[in-house]
Amino acid sequence: MANYENLDDLKALLARGIITERQYENCRRLLARKIIRESSRSSGEKSGVIYIVLAFFLGNIGLHNFYAGRYKCGLAQMALTLASFYSWGLTGVVSTLWVLGELLFVNHSANGKPLLGSRGVIWLMRFIALGILASALFIGVPAQE
C-alpha cells in the first residue's frame, strides 16, 4: 500500500490513480482511527508503570502524587514524612501505609483519566512491590525456636 501521513496525502494518491476508491475509504477509516487514538492520549494522561515505580521508591515524599497531578496529597505525604522526625516516626508510618494503599489501588490520574499501560504489567509490578516489601519486613524477624 502507498505511504500517506494525512488525508491530503491520501486524496492525492486517489487523484493520481495509485489507489482505488475502495482502498481510499479503507485507508481513510484507518487514518481516522489513528487520529482518534492519538488525540485521546493527551499530555494529561500518565503512565501507570512510572506511577508505580515512583510510589515504590519515592512514595513517602509524595512524588508519585505530584506526577499524577494530585498536588495536595503529595504535599500532605511530604509533610507527614517530614513531621516523622518530630513524632518518633508515627506520621512516617501513616504516610507509608497511605502510599501502600495508593500503590495497590490507584488507577487514575487527578483529571480522572486512567493511567496508561498494560493492566497486566501494572498489576505484576504491584505484586512484585508487595513481595519486596513483605520479604524486607520478614528478613529482620528472627526465627522462632
N, C-alpha and C. Protein backbone atom coordinates (compact mmCIF):
# COMPACT_ATOMS: atom_id res chain seq x y z
N MET A 1 0.86 -1.18 0.00
CA MET A 1 0.00 0.00 0.00
C MET A 1 0.90 1.24 0.00
N ALA A 2 0.44 2.30 -0.58
CA ALA A 2 1.21 3.54 -0.68
C ALA A 2 1.33 4.21 0.68
N ASN A 3 2.36 5.04 0.82
CA ASN A 3 2.58 5.76 2.07
C ASN A 3 1.73 7.02 2.11
N TYR A 4 1.17 7.30 3.27
CA TYR A 4 0.40 8.52 3.47
C TYR A 4 0.49 8.91 4.94
N GLU A 5 0.51 10.20 5.18
CA GLU A 5 0.61 10.73 6.54
C GLU A 5 -0.68 11.38 6.99
N ASN A 6 -1.42 11.94 6.06
CA ASN A 6 -2.65 12.66 6.41
C ASN A 6 -3.67 12.49 5.28
N LEU A 7 -4.81 13.11 5.45
CA LEU A 7 -5.90 12.96 4.50
C LEU A 7 -5.55 13.58 3.14
N ASP A 8 -4.79 14.66 3.16
CA ASP A 8 -4.39 15.29 1.89
C ASP A 8 -3.52 14.35 1.06
N ASP A 9 -2.57 13.68 1.73
CA ASP A 9 -1.73 12.70 1.02
C ASP A 9 -2.59 11.58 0.43
N LEU A 10 -3.56 11.15 1.19
CA LEU A 10 -4.44 10.08 0.75
C LEU A 10 -5.27 10.52 -0.46
N LYS A 11 -5.78 11.75 -0.42
CA LYS A 11 -6.55 12.27 -1.55
C LYS A 11 -5.68 12.39 -2.80
N ALA A 12 -4.42 12.79 -2.61
CA ALA A 12 -3.51 12.91 -3.74
C ALA A 12 -3.25 11.55 -4.38
N LEU A 13 -3.11 10.52 -3.54
CA LEU A 13 -2.90 9.17 -4.06
C LEU A 13 -4.11 8.71 -4.87
N LEU A 14 -5.30 9.05 -4.39
CA LEU A 14 -6.52 8.70 -5.11
C LEU A 14 -6.60 9.46 -6.43
N ALA A 15 -6.26 10.74 -6.42
CA ALA A 15 -6.33 11.57 -7.62
C ALA A 15 -5.34 11.09 -8.69
N ARG A 16 -4.18 10.60 -8.27
CA ARG A 16 -3.19 10.11 -9.23
C ARG A 16 -3.48 8.69 -9.68
N GLY A 17 -4.46 8.05 -9.12
CA GLY A 17 -4.83 6.71 -9.52
C GLY A 17 -3.97 5.62 -8.91
N ILE A 18 -3.23 5.95 -7.85
CA ILE A 18 -2.36 4.96 -7.21
C ILE A 18 -3.18 4.00 -6.36
N ILE A 19 -4.27 4.51 -5.80
CA ILE A 19 -5.16 3.65 -5.01
C ILE A 19 -6.57 3.77 -5.57
N THR A 20 -7.37 2.74 -5.30
CA THR A 20 -8.75 2.73 -5.77
C THR A 20 -9.64 3.45 -4.75
N GLU A 21 -10.87 3.66 -5.15
CA GLU A 21 -11.84 4.32 -4.26
C GLU A 21 -12.06 3.47 -3.00
N ARG A 22 -12.11 2.18 -3.16
CA ARG A 22 -12.32 1.29 -2.01
C ARG A 22 -11.10 1.34 -1.07
N GLN A 23 -9.89 1.33 -1.63
CA GLN A 23 -8.68 1.44 -0.81
C GLN A 23 -8.64 2.79 -0.10
N TYR A 24 -9.08 3.83 -0.81
CA TYR A 24 -9.13 5.17 -0.22
C TYR A 24 -10.04 5.16 1.02
N GLU A 25 -11.22 4.57 0.90
CA GLU A 25 -12.16 4.54 2.03
C GLU A 25 -11.59 3.74 3.20
N ASN A 26 -10.98 2.61 2.91
CA ASN A 26 -10.37 1.80 3.98
C ASN A 26 -9.24 2.57 4.68
N CYS A 27 -8.38 3.20 3.89
CA CYS A 27 -7.26 3.95 4.46
C CYS A 27 -7.76 5.17 5.23
N ARG A 28 -8.83 5.80 4.73
CA ARG A 28 -9.41 6.95 5.43
C ARG A 28 -9.94 6.54 6.80
N ARG A 29 -10.60 5.39 6.87
CA ARG A 29 -11.10 4.89 8.15
C ARG A 29 -9.95 4.58 9.12
N LEU A 30 -8.91 3.92 8.59
CA LEU A 30 -7.74 3.62 9.43
C LEU A 30 -7.07 4.89 9.94
N LEU A 31 -6.97 5.89 9.07
CA LEU A 31 -6.37 7.16 9.45
C LEU A 31 -7.20 7.86 10.52
N ALA A 32 -8.53 7.81 10.37
CA ALA A 32 -9.41 8.42 11.36
C ALA A 32 -9.26 7.73 12.72
N ARG A 33 -9.19 6.41 12.72
CA ARG A 33 -8.99 5.68 13.98
C ARG A 33 -7.67 6.04 14.64
N LYS A 34 -6.62 6.15 13.81
CA LYS A 34 -5.30 6.50 14.33
C LYS A 34 -5.32 7.89 14.95
N ILE A 35 -5.98 8.84 14.29
CA ILE A 35 -6.05 10.21 14.80
C ILE A 35 -6.83 10.25 16.10
N ILE A 36 -7.94 9.53 16.16
CA ILE A 36 -8.74 9.50 17.40
C ILE A 36 -7.96 8.86 18.53
N ARG A 37 -7.25 7.77 18.24
CA ARG A 37 -6.45 7.09 19.27
C ARG A 37 -5.34 8.00 19.79
N GLU A 38 -4.67 8.70 18.89
CA GLU A 38 -3.59 9.58 19.31
C GLU A 38 -4.10 10.81 20.04
N SER A 39 -5.25 11.32 19.66
CA SER A 39 -5.79 12.50 20.34
C SER A 39 -6.31 12.15 21.72
N SER A 40 -6.71 10.91 21.93
CA SER A 40 -7.18 10.51 23.26
C SER A 40 -6.03 10.40 24.25
N ARG A 41 -4.82 10.25 23.72
CA ARG A 41 -3.65 10.18 24.58
C ARG A 41 -3.02 11.57 24.71
N SER A 42 -3.75 12.43 25.36
CA SER A 42 -3.26 13.80 25.51
C SER A 42 -2.16 13.85 26.55
N SER A 43 -1.59 15.03 26.70
CA SER A 43 -0.47 15.18 27.63
C SER A 43 -0.91 15.02 29.09
N GLY A 44 -2.22 15.06 29.36
CA GLY A 44 -2.70 14.92 30.72
C GLY A 44 -2.70 13.49 31.22
N GLU A 45 -2.52 12.53 30.34
CA GLU A 45 -2.52 11.14 30.76
C GLU A 45 -1.13 10.73 31.21
N LYS A 46 -1.09 9.90 32.23
CA LYS A 46 0.18 9.50 32.84
C LYS A 46 0.34 7.99 32.76
N SER A 47 1.59 7.56 32.81
CA SER A 47 1.93 6.14 32.73
C SER A 47 1.74 5.47 34.09
N GLY A 48 1.07 4.33 34.07
CA GLY A 48 0.87 3.57 35.30
C GLY A 48 2.17 2.97 35.82
N VAL A 49 3.06 2.57 34.90
CA VAL A 49 4.34 1.99 35.30
C VAL A 49 5.19 3.02 36.04
N ILE A 50 5.25 4.24 35.49
CA ILE A 50 6.03 5.29 36.16
C ILE A 50 5.41 5.62 37.51
N TYR A 51 4.09 5.66 37.58
CA TYR A 51 3.41 5.94 38.84
C TYR A 51 3.78 4.90 39.90
N ILE A 52 3.77 3.61 39.53
CA ILE A 52 4.10 2.54 40.48
C ILE A 52 5.55 2.64 40.93
N VAL A 53 6.47 2.88 39.99
CA VAL A 53 7.89 2.99 40.33
C VAL A 53 8.12 4.16 41.27
N LEU A 54 7.51 5.31 40.98
CA LEU A 54 7.66 6.48 41.86
C LEU A 54 7.05 6.21 43.24
N ALA A 55 5.90 5.56 43.27
CA ALA A 55 5.27 5.24 44.56
C ALA A 55 6.15 4.31 45.38
N PHE A 56 6.77 3.34 44.72
CA PHE A 56 7.59 2.37 45.44
C PHE A 56 8.86 3.01 46.00
N PHE A 57 9.56 3.76 45.16
CA PHE A 57 10.86 4.29 45.58
C PHE A 57 10.78 5.65 46.30
N LEU A 58 9.85 6.49 45.90
CA LEU A 58 9.80 7.85 46.46
C LEU A 58 8.40 8.21 46.96
N GLY A 59 7.64 7.21 47.34
CA GLY A 59 6.26 7.43 47.75
C GLY A 59 6.10 8.26 48.99
N ASN A 60 6.96 8.10 49.96
CA ASN A 60 6.78 8.83 51.21
C ASN A 60 6.95 10.33 51.07
N ILE A 61 7.63 10.78 50.03
CA ILE A 61 7.71 12.22 49.82
C ILE A 61 6.65 12.68 48.81
N GLY A 62 5.77 11.78 48.40
CA GLY A 62 4.62 12.13 47.59
C GLY A 62 4.90 12.38 46.12
N LEU A 63 6.05 11.96 45.63
CA LEU A 63 6.41 12.26 44.26
C LEU A 63 5.45 11.64 43.25
N HIS A 64 4.94 10.46 43.54
CA HIS A 64 4.00 9.81 42.62
C HIS A 64 2.71 10.62 42.50
N ASN A 65 2.29 11.26 43.59
CA ASN A 65 1.09 12.10 43.52
C ASN A 65 1.34 13.39 42.75
N PHE A 66 2.52 13.96 42.88
CA PHE A 66 2.86 15.12 42.06
C PHE A 66 2.82 14.74 40.58
N TYR A 67 3.35 13.56 40.27
CA TYR A 67 3.36 13.08 38.88
C TYR A 67 1.93 12.92 38.35
N ALA A 68 1.03 12.40 39.18
CA ALA A 68 -0.35 12.16 38.75
C ALA A 68 -1.22 13.41 38.81
N GLY A 69 -0.67 14.51 39.31
CA GLY A 69 -1.44 15.75 39.39
C GLY A 69 -2.19 15.94 40.68
N ARG A 70 -1.98 15.10 41.66
CA ARG A 70 -2.62 15.22 42.97
C ARG A 70 -1.67 15.97 43.92
N TYR A 71 -1.61 17.28 43.73
CA TYR A 71 -0.61 18.07 44.45
C TYR A 71 -0.89 18.16 45.95
N LYS A 72 -2.16 18.24 46.33
CA LYS A 72 -2.48 18.33 47.77
C LYS A 72 -2.10 17.04 48.49
N CYS A 73 -2.37 15.90 47.89
CA CYS A 73 -1.98 14.62 48.50
C CYS A 73 -0.47 14.50 48.59
N GLY A 74 0.22 14.93 47.54
CA GLY A 74 1.68 14.89 47.54
C GLY A 74 2.26 15.76 48.65
N LEU A 75 1.71 16.95 48.80
CA LEU A 75 2.19 17.85 49.86
C LEU A 75 1.88 17.27 51.24
N ALA A 76 0.71 16.66 51.39
CA ALA A 76 0.35 16.06 52.69
C ALA A 76 1.29 14.90 53.03
N GLN A 77 1.62 14.06 52.07
CA GLN A 77 2.54 12.95 52.33
C GLN A 77 3.94 13.47 52.65
N MET A 78 4.35 14.50 51.96
CA MET A 78 5.66 15.08 52.24
C MET A 78 5.69 15.68 53.65
N ALA A 79 4.60 16.35 54.03
CA ALA A 79 4.53 16.93 55.37
C ALA A 79 4.53 15.85 56.45
N LEU A 80 3.80 14.76 56.21
CA LEU A 80 3.78 13.66 57.19
C LEU A 80 5.17 13.05 57.35
N THR A 81 5.86 12.88 56.25
CA THR A 81 7.20 12.30 56.30
C THR A 81 8.17 13.23 57.03
N LEU A 82 8.10 14.51 56.74
CA LEU A 82 8.97 15.47 57.44
C LEU A 82 8.62 15.57 58.92
N ALA A 83 7.33 15.46 59.24
CA ALA A 83 6.90 15.52 60.64
C ALA A 83 7.32 14.26 61.40
N SER A 84 7.66 13.19 60.71
CA SER A 84 8.03 11.95 61.40
C SER A 84 9.32 12.12 62.20
N PHE A 85 10.14 13.10 61.83
CA PHE A 85 11.35 13.36 62.61
C PHE A 85 11.02 13.91 63.99
N TYR A 86 9.83 14.52 64.13
CA TYR A 86 9.42 15.11 65.40
C TYR A 86 8.35 14.30 66.12
N SER A 87 7.87 13.24 65.51
CA SER A 87 6.78 12.46 66.12
C SER A 87 7.20 11.02 66.35
N TRP A 88 8.47 10.78 66.52
CA TRP A 88 9.02 9.45 66.76
C TRP A 88 8.63 8.47 65.65
N GLY A 89 8.47 8.97 64.45
CA GLY A 89 8.21 8.12 63.29
C GLY A 89 6.76 7.75 63.06
N LEU A 90 5.85 8.18 63.94
CA LEU A 90 4.45 7.78 63.80
C LEU A 90 3.81 8.32 62.52
N THR A 91 4.08 9.58 62.19
CA THR A 91 3.48 10.12 60.97
C THR A 91 4.12 9.51 59.73
N GLY A 92 5.36 9.07 59.85
CA GLY A 92 6.00 8.37 58.73
C GLY A 92 5.34 7.03 58.46
N VAL A 93 4.91 6.36 59.53
CA VAL A 93 4.19 5.09 59.36
C VAL A 93 2.85 5.33 58.68
N VAL A 94 2.16 6.40 59.08
CA VAL A 94 0.88 6.74 58.46
C VAL A 94 1.10 7.02 56.97
N SER A 95 2.13 7.80 56.66
CA SER A 95 2.44 8.11 55.26
C SER A 95 2.76 6.85 54.47
N THR A 96 3.51 5.93 55.07
CA THR A 96 3.88 4.68 54.40
C THR A 96 2.65 3.83 54.11
N LEU A 97 1.74 3.72 55.06
CA LEU A 97 0.51 2.95 54.83
C LEU A 97 -0.35 3.60 53.75
N TRP A 98 -0.39 4.92 53.75
CA TRP A 98 -1.13 5.66 52.74
C TRP A 98 -0.55 5.37 51.34
N VAL A 99 0.76 5.42 51.24
CA VAL A 99 1.43 5.14 49.96
C VAL A 99 1.17 3.71 49.52
N LEU A 100 1.20 2.77 50.44
CA LEU A 100 0.94 1.37 50.10
C LEU A 100 -0.47 1.21 49.52
N GLY A 101 -1.43 1.88 50.12
CA GLY A 101 -2.80 1.84 49.60
C GLY A 101 -2.88 2.43 48.19
N GLU A 102 -2.18 3.53 47.97
CA GLU A 102 -2.19 4.13 46.64
C GLU A 102 -1.47 3.25 45.63
N LEU A 103 -0.39 2.65 46.04
CA LEU A 103 0.37 1.77 45.16
C LEU A 103 -0.51 0.62 44.67
N LEU A 104 -1.37 0.12 45.53
CA LEU A 104 -2.21 -1.02 45.18
C LEU A 104 -3.50 -0.66 44.47
N PHE A 105 -4.08 0.49 44.77
CA PHE A 105 -5.45 0.71 44.32
C PHE A 105 -5.68 1.91 43.41
N VAL A 106 -4.74 2.81 43.24
CA VAL A 106 -4.97 3.98 42.40
C VAL A 106 -4.74 3.61 40.93
N ASN A 107 -5.73 3.89 40.11
CA ASN A 107 -5.67 3.57 38.68
C ASN A 107 -5.94 4.78 37.79
N HIS A 108 -6.14 5.97 38.39
CA HIS A 108 -6.47 7.16 37.62
C HIS A 108 -5.61 8.33 38.06
N SER A 109 -5.36 9.25 37.13
CA SER A 109 -4.65 10.47 37.48
C SER A 109 -5.66 11.47 38.06
N ALA A 110 -5.19 12.65 38.39
CA ALA A 110 -6.05 13.64 39.04
C ALA A 110 -7.20 14.09 38.16
N ASN A 111 -7.01 14.11 36.85
CA ASN A 111 -8.08 14.54 35.95
C ASN A 111 -9.07 13.42 35.65
N GLY A 112 -8.93 12.27 36.30
CA GLY A 112 -9.87 11.16 36.15
C GLY A 112 -9.57 10.22 35.01
N LYS A 113 -8.51 10.50 34.24
CA LYS A 113 -8.16 9.63 33.13
C LYS A 113 -7.38 8.43 33.66
N PRO A 114 -7.64 7.25 33.11
CA PRO A 114 -6.92 6.06 33.57
C PRO A 114 -5.43 6.17 33.28
N LEU A 115 -4.65 5.59 34.17
CA LEU A 115 -3.20 5.55 33.95
C LEU A 115 -2.93 4.67 32.74
N LEU A 116 -2.02 5.10 31.88
CA LEU A 116 -1.71 4.37 30.66
C LEU A 116 -0.86 3.15 30.96
N GLY A 117 -0.92 2.18 30.09
CA GLY A 117 -0.10 0.99 30.21
C GLY A 117 -0.94 -0.26 30.34
N SER A 118 -0.29 -1.36 30.17
CA SER A 118 -0.95 -2.65 30.25
C SER A 118 -1.37 -2.93 31.69
N ARG A 119 -2.63 -3.25 31.87
CA ARG A 119 -3.14 -3.57 33.22
C ARG A 119 -2.38 -4.76 33.82
N GLY A 120 -2.04 -5.73 32.98
CA GLY A 120 -1.31 -6.89 33.46
C GLY A 120 0.07 -6.53 33.98
N VAL A 121 0.77 -5.66 33.26
CA VAL A 121 2.10 -5.23 33.69
C VAL A 121 2.00 -4.43 34.98
N ILE A 122 1.01 -3.55 35.06
CA ILE A 122 0.84 -2.74 36.26
C ILE A 122 0.55 -3.62 37.47
N TRP A 123 -0.34 -4.60 37.32
CA TRP A 123 -0.63 -5.49 38.45
C TRP A 123 0.57 -6.36 38.80
N LEU A 124 1.33 -6.80 37.81
CA LEU A 124 2.54 -7.56 38.09
C LEU A 124 3.52 -6.72 38.90
N MET A 125 3.68 -5.46 38.52
CA MET A 125 4.58 -4.58 39.28
C MET A 125 4.08 -4.38 40.71
N ARG A 126 2.78 -4.31 40.87
CA ARG A 126 2.21 -4.15 42.22
C ARG A 126 2.52 -5.39 43.08
N PHE A 127 2.35 -6.57 42.50
CA PHE A 127 2.65 -7.79 43.26
C PHE A 127 4.14 -7.93 43.56
N ILE A 128 4.97 -7.53 42.63
CA ILE A 128 6.42 -7.55 42.88
C ILE A 128 6.77 -6.60 44.00
N ALA A 129 6.19 -5.40 43.98
CA ALA A 129 6.44 -4.43 45.05
C ALA A 129 6.00 -4.98 46.40
N LEU A 130 4.83 -5.62 46.43
CA LEU A 130 4.36 -6.23 47.68
C LEU A 130 5.30 -7.33 48.15
N GLY A 131 5.78 -8.15 47.21
CA GLY A 131 6.71 -9.22 47.57
C GLY A 131 8.01 -8.66 48.14
N ILE A 132 8.52 -7.61 47.53
CA ILE A 132 9.75 -7.00 48.03
C ILE A 132 9.53 -6.41 49.42
N LEU A 133 8.41 -5.74 49.61
CA LEU A 133 8.12 -5.16 50.93
C LEU A 133 7.92 -6.25 51.98
N ALA A 134 7.22 -7.31 51.62
CA ALA A 134 7.00 -8.40 52.58
C ALA A 134 8.31 -9.09 52.92
N SER A 135 9.16 -9.34 51.93
CA SER A 135 10.43 -10.00 52.23
C SER A 135 11.33 -9.10 53.05
N ALA A 136 11.32 -7.80 52.80
CA ALA A 136 12.11 -6.88 53.62
C ALA A 136 11.60 -6.84 55.05
N LEU A 137 10.30 -6.97 55.22
CA LEU A 137 9.72 -6.95 56.56
C LEU A 137 10.09 -8.21 57.34
N PHE A 138 10.07 -9.37 56.66
CA PHE A 138 10.31 -10.62 57.36
C PHE A 138 11.76 -11.03 57.44
N ILE A 139 12.65 -10.38 56.73
CA ILE A 139 14.07 -10.71 56.81
C ILE A 139 14.61 -10.38 58.19
N GLY A 140 14.14 -9.29 58.75
CA GLY A 140 14.63 -8.87 60.06
C GLY A 140 14.00 -9.60 61.23
N VAL A 141 12.98 -10.41 61.00
CA VAL A 141 12.31 -11.12 62.09
C VAL A 141 13.06 -12.41 62.37
N PRO A 142 13.54 -12.60 63.60
CA PRO A 142 14.26 -13.83 63.92
C PRO A 142 13.33 -15.04 63.93
N ALA A 143 13.86 -16.18 63.56
CA ALA A 143 13.08 -17.41 63.52
C ALA A 143 12.73 -17.86 64.93
N GLN A 144 11.54 -18.41 65.08
CA GLN A 144 11.09 -18.94 66.38
C GLN A 144 11.75 -20.30 66.61
N GLU A 145 12.22 -20.52 67.79
CA GLU A 145 12.83 -21.83 68.10
C GLU A 145 11.89 -22.73 68.82
